[in-house]
């Protein structure tokens, strides 16, 4: 009986250790599913309404490279070099801010803040 508990304990430990890289992967790239209801501009790329996946590129040297994929991640829509952005208070959810554009131009995505963190990225939007 004690041997069974030891084996189950060892299996539970190995299972939880095996899952650690998966948990860190989401935290590392900040993958976020974004639903857009009207066209928006992201640093010169206009995204039509739909669902997209935003994530940070796997680049240890620069944590401000953002990749935007279609919903099922089969097509890379844009790769954008953003700049670091900071806020005073973290929120429980991801926050994406919009910048209004004059006239009939599509609004632009301004900043993307990560859930539970003070940091994020700011997109350079040229008019």
N, C-alpha and C. Protein backbone atom coordinates (compact mmCIF):
# COMPACT_ATOMS: atom_id res chain seq x y z
N UNK A 1 0.82 -1.19 0.00
CA UNK A 1 0.00 0.00 0.00
C UNK A 1 0.87 1.27 0.00
N UNK A 2 1.91 1.27 0.85
CA UNK A 2 2.81 2.42 0.91
C UNK A 2 3.53 2.59 -0.42
N UNK A 3 3.90 1.48 -1.05
CA UNK A 3 4.57 1.53 -2.34
C UNK A 3 3.66 2.17 -3.39
N UNK A 4 2.38 1.86 -3.36
CA UNK A 4 1.40 2.44 -4.29
C UNK A 4 1.33 3.96 -4.11
N UNK A 5 1.30 4.44 -2.87
CA UNK A 5 1.25 5.87 -2.60
C UNK A 5 2.53 6.57 -3.08
N UNK A 6 3.67 5.91 -2.90
CA UNK A 6 4.92 6.48 -3.37
C UNK A 6 4.93 6.60 -4.88
N UNK A 7 4.45 5.57 -5.56
CA UNK A 7 4.40 5.60 -7.03
C UNK A 7 3.44 6.68 -7.50
N UNK A 8 2.26 6.78 -6.87
CA UNK A 8 1.30 7.82 -7.25
C UNK A 8 1.87 9.22 -6.99
N UNK A 9 2.57 9.37 -5.86
CA UNK A 9 3.19 10.66 -5.55
C UNK A 9 4.25 11.03 -6.57
N UNK A 10 5.07 10.04 -6.96
CA UNK A 10 6.09 10.27 -7.96
C UNK A 10 5.48 10.63 -9.31
N UNK A 11 4.41 9.94 -9.69
CA UNK A 11 3.73 10.25 -10.96
C UNK A 11 3.13 11.65 -10.93
N UNK A 12 2.54 12.04 -9.80
CA UNK A 12 1.97 13.38 -9.68
C UNK A 12 3.07 14.44 -9.79
N UNK A 13 4.20 14.20 -9.13
CA UNK A 13 5.32 15.13 -9.20
C UNK A 13 5.85 15.25 -10.63
N UNK A 14 6.05 14.13 -11.29
CA UNK A 14 6.54 14.15 -12.67
C UNK A 14 5.54 14.83 -13.59
N UNK A 15 4.25 14.60 -13.38
CA UNK A 15 3.22 15.24 -14.20
C UNK A 15 3.22 16.74 -14.03
N UNK A 16 3.37 17.22 -12.79
CA UNK A 16 3.36 18.66 -12.57
C UNK A 16 4.64 19.30 -13.10
N UNK A 17 5.77 18.63 -12.98
CA UNK A 17 7.02 19.16 -13.53
C UNK A 17 6.94 19.19 -15.06
N UNK A 18 6.33 18.19 -15.65
CA UNK A 18 6.18 18.15 -17.10
C UNK A 18 5.30 19.27 -17.63
N UNK A 19 4.40 19.79 -16.81
CA UNK A 19 3.50 20.85 -17.24
C UNK A 19 4.10 22.23 -17.07
N UNK A 20 5.18 22.38 -16.31
CA UNK A 20 5.78 23.69 -16.08
C UNK A 20 6.15 24.43 -17.37
N UNK A 21 6.80 23.80 -18.35
CA UNK A 21 7.13 24.54 -19.57
C UNK A 21 5.89 25.06 -20.28
N UNK A 22 4.79 24.33 -20.23
CA UNK A 22 3.56 24.79 -20.88
C UNK A 22 3.03 26.04 -20.20
N UNK A 23 3.04 26.07 -18.88
CA UNK A 23 2.54 27.23 -18.17
C UNK A 23 3.42 28.45 -18.43
N UNK A 24 4.72 28.26 -18.50
CA UNK A 24 5.62 29.38 -18.75
C UNK A 24 5.49 29.91 -20.18
N UNK A 25 5.15 29.04 -21.11
CA UNK A 25 5.07 29.47 -22.51
C UNK A 25 4.01 30.54 -22.68
N UNK A 26 2.83 30.37 -22.09
CA UNK A 26 1.78 31.37 -22.21
C UNK A 26 2.21 32.67 -21.53
N UNK A 27 2.87 32.57 -20.39
CA UNK A 27 3.31 33.75 -19.68
C UNK A 27 4.43 34.46 -20.45
N UNK A 28 5.26 33.70 -21.11
CA UNK A 28 6.38 34.27 -21.84
C UNK A 28 5.93 35.07 -23.06
N UNK A 29 5.01 34.53 -23.84
CA UNK A 29 4.62 35.21 -25.08
C UNK A 29 3.36 36.06 -24.94
N UNK A 30 2.70 35.98 -23.79
CA UNK A 30 1.49 36.77 -23.51
C UNK A 30 0.42 36.59 -24.60
N UNK A 31 0.30 35.39 -25.12
CA UNK A 31 -0.67 35.12 -26.19
C UNK A 31 -2.06 35.56 -25.76
N UNK A 32 -2.69 36.36 -26.61
CA UNK A 32 -4.00 36.93 -26.31
C UNK A 32 -4.89 36.83 -27.53
N UNK A 33 -6.10 36.34 -27.34
CA UNK A 33 -7.09 36.29 -28.42
C UNK A 33 -7.86 37.61 -28.40
N UNK A 34 -7.87 38.29 -29.53
CA UNK A 34 -8.49 39.61 -29.65
C UNK A 34 -9.60 39.57 -30.69
N UNK A 35 -10.77 40.07 -30.32
CA UNK A 35 -11.89 40.18 -31.26
C UNK A 35 -12.04 41.64 -31.66
N UNK A 36 -12.03 41.89 -32.96
CA UNK A 36 -12.14 43.25 -33.49
C UNK A 36 -13.46 43.36 -34.23
N UNK A 37 -14.25 44.39 -33.88
CA UNK A 37 -15.58 44.56 -34.48
C UNK A 37 -15.60 45.51 -35.66
N UNK A 38 -14.57 46.32 -35.79
CA UNK A 38 -14.46 47.23 -36.93
C UNK A 38 -12.98 47.34 -37.30
N UNK A 39 -12.67 47.75 -38.50
CA UNK A 39 -11.25 47.81 -38.90
C UNK A 39 -10.42 48.67 -37.95
N UNK A 40 -9.22 48.20 -37.64
CA UNK A 40 -8.28 48.97 -36.82
C UNK A 40 -6.90 48.94 -37.46
N UNK A 41 -6.17 50.00 -37.24
CA UNK A 41 -4.81 50.12 -37.75
C UNK A 41 -3.83 49.75 -36.65
N UNK A 42 -2.88 48.90 -36.98
CA UNK A 42 -1.80 48.55 -36.04
C UNK A 42 -0.49 48.83 -36.76
N UNK A 43 0.08 49.98 -36.47
CA UNK A 43 1.36 50.39 -37.06
C UNK A 43 1.41 50.24 -38.57
N UNK A 44 0.35 50.70 -39.24
CA UNK A 44 0.32 50.69 -40.70
C UNK A 44 -0.38 49.49 -41.32
N UNK A 45 -0.71 48.49 -40.54
CA UNK A 45 -1.46 47.32 -41.03
C UNK A 45 -2.90 47.45 -40.56
N UNK A 46 -3.84 47.49 -41.50
CA UNK A 46 -5.25 47.58 -41.12
C UNK A 46 -5.81 46.17 -41.02
N UNK A 47 -6.32 45.85 -39.83
CA UNK A 47 -6.93 44.55 -39.60
C UNK A 47 -8.44 44.66 -39.76
N UNK A 48 -9.03 43.86 -40.64
CA UNK A 48 -10.49 43.88 -40.78
C UNK A 48 -11.14 43.22 -39.57
N UNK A 49 -12.46 43.40 -39.39
CA UNK A 49 -13.14 42.75 -38.27
C UNK A 49 -12.87 41.25 -38.26
N UNK A 50 -12.70 40.70 -37.07
CA UNK A 50 -12.45 39.28 -36.92
C UNK A 50 -11.73 38.99 -35.63
N UNK A 51 -11.26 37.75 -35.50
CA UNK A 51 -10.52 37.35 -34.31
C UNK A 51 -9.06 37.11 -34.67
N UNK A 52 -8.18 37.57 -33.78
CA UNK A 52 -6.75 37.49 -34.02
C UNK A 52 -6.04 37.02 -32.76
N UNK A 53 -4.84 36.52 -32.95
CA UNK A 53 -3.98 36.14 -31.84
C UNK A 53 -2.80 37.10 -31.82
N UNK A 54 -2.65 37.83 -30.71
CA UNK A 54 -1.51 38.71 -30.50
C UNK A 54 -0.55 37.97 -29.58
N UNK A 55 0.73 37.99 -29.90
CA UNK A 55 1.72 37.44 -28.98
C UNK A 55 3.08 38.07 -29.22
N UNK A 56 3.90 38.02 -28.18
CA UNK A 56 5.26 38.50 -28.30
C UNK A 56 6.08 37.44 -29.00
N UNK A 57 6.96 37.89 -29.89
CA UNK A 57 7.83 36.95 -30.60
C UNK A 57 8.80 36.30 -29.62
N UNK A 58 9.24 35.11 -29.97
CA UNK A 58 10.17 34.36 -29.13
C UNK A 58 11.57 34.90 -29.35
N UNK A 59 11.84 36.06 -28.77
CA UNK A 59 13.13 36.73 -28.95
C UNK A 59 13.58 37.25 -27.58
N UNK A 60 14.57 36.61 -27.01
CA UNK A 60 15.05 37.01 -25.68
C UNK A 60 15.64 38.42 -25.67
N UNK A 61 16.21 38.85 -26.78
CA UNK A 61 16.89 40.14 -26.83
C UNK A 61 15.93 41.32 -26.92
N UNK A 62 14.77 41.11 -27.53
CA UNK A 62 13.82 42.22 -27.71
C UNK A 62 12.42 41.73 -27.40
N UNK A 63 11.87 42.16 -26.27
CA UNK A 63 10.54 41.74 -25.83
C UNK A 63 9.45 42.68 -26.34
N UNK A 64 9.72 43.42 -27.40
CA UNK A 64 8.73 44.34 -27.95
C UNK A 64 8.37 44.01 -29.39
N UNK A 65 8.68 42.82 -29.84
CA UNK A 65 8.29 42.40 -31.19
C UNK A 65 6.97 41.66 -31.06
N UNK A 66 5.93 42.21 -31.68
CA UNK A 66 4.59 41.64 -31.58
C UNK A 66 4.23 40.97 -32.90
N UNK A 67 3.73 39.75 -32.79
CA UNK A 67 3.24 39.03 -33.97
C UNK A 67 1.72 38.95 -33.86
N UNK A 68 1.06 39.21 -34.98
CA UNK A 68 -0.40 39.12 -35.03
C UNK A 68 -0.75 38.04 -36.05
N UNK A 69 -1.47 37.03 -35.60
CA UNK A 69 -1.89 35.91 -36.43
C UNK A 69 -3.40 35.92 -36.60
N UNK A 70 -3.87 35.20 -37.65
CA UNK A 70 -5.31 34.97 -37.75
C UNK A 70 -5.72 34.05 -36.60
N UNK A 71 -7.00 33.82 -36.44
CA UNK A 71 -7.52 33.10 -35.27
C UNK A 71 -6.92 31.72 -35.07
N UNK A 72 -6.73 30.96 -36.14
CA UNK A 72 -6.18 29.60 -35.98
C UNK A 72 -4.66 29.56 -36.16
N UNK A 73 -4.03 30.71 -36.22
CA UNK A 73 -2.58 30.88 -36.29
C UNK A 73 -1.95 30.19 -37.51
N UNK A 74 -2.68 30.17 -38.61
CA UNK A 74 -2.15 29.61 -39.85
C UNK A 74 -1.56 30.69 -40.75
N UNK A 75 -1.84 31.97 -40.44
CA UNK A 75 -1.36 33.06 -41.27
C UNK A 75 -0.87 34.20 -40.38
N UNK A 76 0.39 34.60 -40.59
CA UNK A 76 0.94 35.74 -39.87
C UNK A 76 0.47 37.01 -40.56
N UNK A 77 -0.32 37.81 -39.87
CA UNK A 77 -0.88 39.04 -40.44
C UNK A 77 0.14 40.18 -40.41
N UNK A 78 0.91 40.27 -39.32
CA UNK A 78 1.88 41.35 -39.18
C UNK A 78 2.90 41.02 -38.10
N UNK A 79 4.10 41.52 -38.29
CA UNK A 79 5.13 41.51 -37.26
C UNK A 79 5.51 42.96 -37.03
N UNK A 80 5.37 43.41 -35.79
CA UNK A 80 5.50 44.83 -35.49
C UNK A 80 6.53 45.05 -34.39
N UNK A 81 7.42 45.99 -34.62
CA UNK A 81 8.36 46.40 -33.59
C UNK A 81 7.70 47.52 -32.79
N UNK A 82 7.33 47.21 -31.55
CA UNK A 82 6.69 48.19 -30.67
C UNK A 82 7.73 48.71 -29.68
N UNK A 83 7.31 49.57 -28.78
CA UNK A 83 8.19 50.06 -27.73
C UNK A 83 7.59 49.68 -26.39
N UNK A 84 8.41 49.53 -25.36
CA UNK A 84 7.87 49.19 -24.04
C UNK A 84 6.93 50.27 -23.52
N UNK A 85 5.89 49.84 -22.84
CA UNK A 85 4.93 50.76 -22.22
C UNK A 85 4.71 50.31 -20.78
N UNK A 86 4.38 51.26 -19.92
CA UNK A 86 4.20 50.96 -18.49
C UNK A 86 2.95 51.65 -17.98
N UNK A 87 2.37 51.06 -16.93
CA UNK A 87 1.22 51.67 -16.27
C UNK A 87 1.43 51.60 -14.77
N UNK A 88 0.64 52.38 -14.02
CA UNK A 88 0.84 52.47 -12.58
C UNK A 88 0.20 51.32 -11.81
N UNK A 89 -0.92 50.80 -12.31
CA UNK A 89 -1.65 49.74 -11.62
C UNK A 89 -1.93 48.59 -12.57
N UNK A 90 -1.63 47.36 -12.18
CA UNK A 90 -1.99 46.21 -13.03
C UNK A 90 -3.48 45.92 -12.95
N UNK A 91 -4.01 45.25 -13.96
CA UNK A 91 -5.40 44.80 -13.95
C UNK A 91 -5.41 43.29 -14.11
N UNK A 92 -6.53 42.68 -13.77
CA UNK A 92 -6.65 41.22 -13.88
C UNK A 92 -6.72 40.76 -15.33
N UNK A 93 -7.14 41.63 -16.21
CA UNK A 93 -7.32 41.27 -17.61
C UNK A 93 -6.37 42.04 -18.52
N UNK A 94 -6.22 41.52 -19.72
CA UNK A 94 -5.46 42.22 -20.75
C UNK A 94 -6.20 43.51 -21.12
N UNK A 95 -5.45 44.58 -21.36
CA UNK A 95 -6.05 45.86 -21.76
C UNK A 95 -5.43 46.30 -23.07
N UNK A 96 -6.28 46.61 -24.04
CA UNK A 96 -5.83 47.16 -25.32
C UNK A 96 -6.51 48.52 -25.48
N UNK A 97 -5.69 49.55 -25.71
CA UNK A 97 -6.25 50.89 -25.87
C UNK A 97 -6.33 51.25 -27.35
N UNK A 98 -7.29 52.07 -27.70
CA UNK A 98 -7.45 52.56 -29.07
C UNK A 98 -7.14 54.05 -29.13
N UNK A 99 -6.64 54.48 -30.26
CA UNK A 99 -6.37 55.88 -30.52
C UNK A 99 -7.31 56.31 -31.63
N UNK A 100 -8.13 57.31 -31.35
CA UNK A 100 -9.07 57.80 -32.37
C UNK A 100 -8.31 58.51 -33.47
N UNK A 101 -8.79 58.32 -34.67
CA UNK A 101 -8.21 58.99 -35.84
C UNK A 101 -9.25 59.94 -36.41
N UNK A 102 -8.82 61.05 -36.96
CA UNK A 102 -9.76 62.01 -37.52
C UNK A 102 -10.39 61.49 -38.81
N UNK A 103 -11.58 61.96 -39.08
CA UNK A 103 -12.25 61.62 -40.34
C UNK A 103 -12.66 60.17 -40.41
N UNK A 104 -12.51 59.60 -41.59
CA UNK A 104 -12.96 58.23 -41.82
C UNK A 104 -11.84 57.20 -41.66
N UNK A 105 -10.69 57.63 -41.17
CA UNK A 105 -9.59 56.69 -40.96
C UNK A 105 -9.93 55.70 -39.86
N UNK A 106 -9.40 54.49 -39.99
CA UNK A 106 -9.62 53.48 -38.96
C UNK A 106 -8.90 53.90 -37.68
N UNK A 107 -9.55 53.65 -36.53
CA UNK A 107 -8.88 53.88 -35.26
C UNK A 107 -7.65 52.98 -35.18
N UNK A 108 -6.72 53.35 -34.33
CA UNK A 108 -5.47 52.60 -34.22
C UNK A 108 -5.35 51.97 -32.84
N UNK A 109 -4.71 50.82 -32.78
CA UNK A 109 -4.41 50.22 -31.49
C UNK A 109 -3.21 50.96 -30.92
N UNK A 110 -3.36 51.49 -29.71
CA UNK A 110 -2.31 52.29 -29.10
C UNK A 110 -1.37 51.47 -28.23
N UNK A 111 -1.94 50.79 -27.22
CA UNK A 111 -1.12 50.03 -26.27
C UNK A 111 -1.77 48.69 -25.97
N UNK A 112 -0.94 47.74 -25.61
CA UNK A 112 -1.38 46.41 -25.20
C UNK A 112 -0.69 46.11 -23.88
N UNK A 113 -1.50 46.06 -22.80
CA UNK A 113 -0.98 45.75 -21.47
C UNK A 113 -1.34 44.33 -21.10
N UNK A 114 -0.39 43.64 -20.49
CA UNK A 114 -0.56 42.24 -20.14
C UNK A 114 -1.28 42.09 -18.81
N UNK A 115 -2.12 41.09 -18.71
CA UNK A 115 -2.91 40.84 -17.50
C UNK A 115 -1.99 40.66 -16.29
N UNK A 116 -2.32 41.38 -15.21
CA UNK A 116 -1.59 41.23 -13.96
C UNK A 116 -0.21 41.84 -13.93
N UNK A 117 0.16 42.60 -14.95
CA UNK A 117 1.51 43.17 -15.00
C UNK A 117 1.46 44.67 -15.24
N UNK A 118 2.55 45.32 -14.88
CA UNK A 118 2.66 46.77 -15.10
C UNK A 118 3.16 47.11 -16.49
N UNK A 119 3.75 46.13 -17.17
CA UNK A 119 4.34 46.43 -18.47
C UNK A 119 3.47 45.94 -19.62
N UNK A 120 3.77 46.48 -20.78
CA UNK A 120 3.09 46.12 -22.01
C UNK A 120 3.88 46.70 -23.17
N UNK A 121 3.21 46.91 -24.29
CA UNK A 121 3.87 47.49 -25.45
C UNK A 121 3.01 48.61 -26.02
N UNK A 122 3.68 49.56 -26.66
CA UNK A 122 3.00 50.66 -27.34
C UNK A 122 3.32 50.56 -28.83
N UNK A 123 2.27 50.65 -29.64
CA UNK A 123 2.44 50.57 -31.09
C UNK A 123 2.65 51.98 -31.64
N UNK A 124 3.60 52.11 -32.55
CA UNK A 124 3.85 53.39 -33.18
C UNK A 124 2.92 53.49 -34.38
N UNK A 125 1.97 54.41 -34.28
CA UNK A 125 0.97 54.54 -35.33
C UNK A 125 1.21 55.83 -36.09
N UNK A 126 1.56 55.69 -37.34
CA UNK A 126 1.81 56.85 -38.19
C UNK A 126 0.53 57.18 -38.94
N UNK A 127 0.22 58.46 -39.03
CA UNK A 127 -1.02 58.84 -39.72
C UNK A 127 -0.78 59.16 -41.15
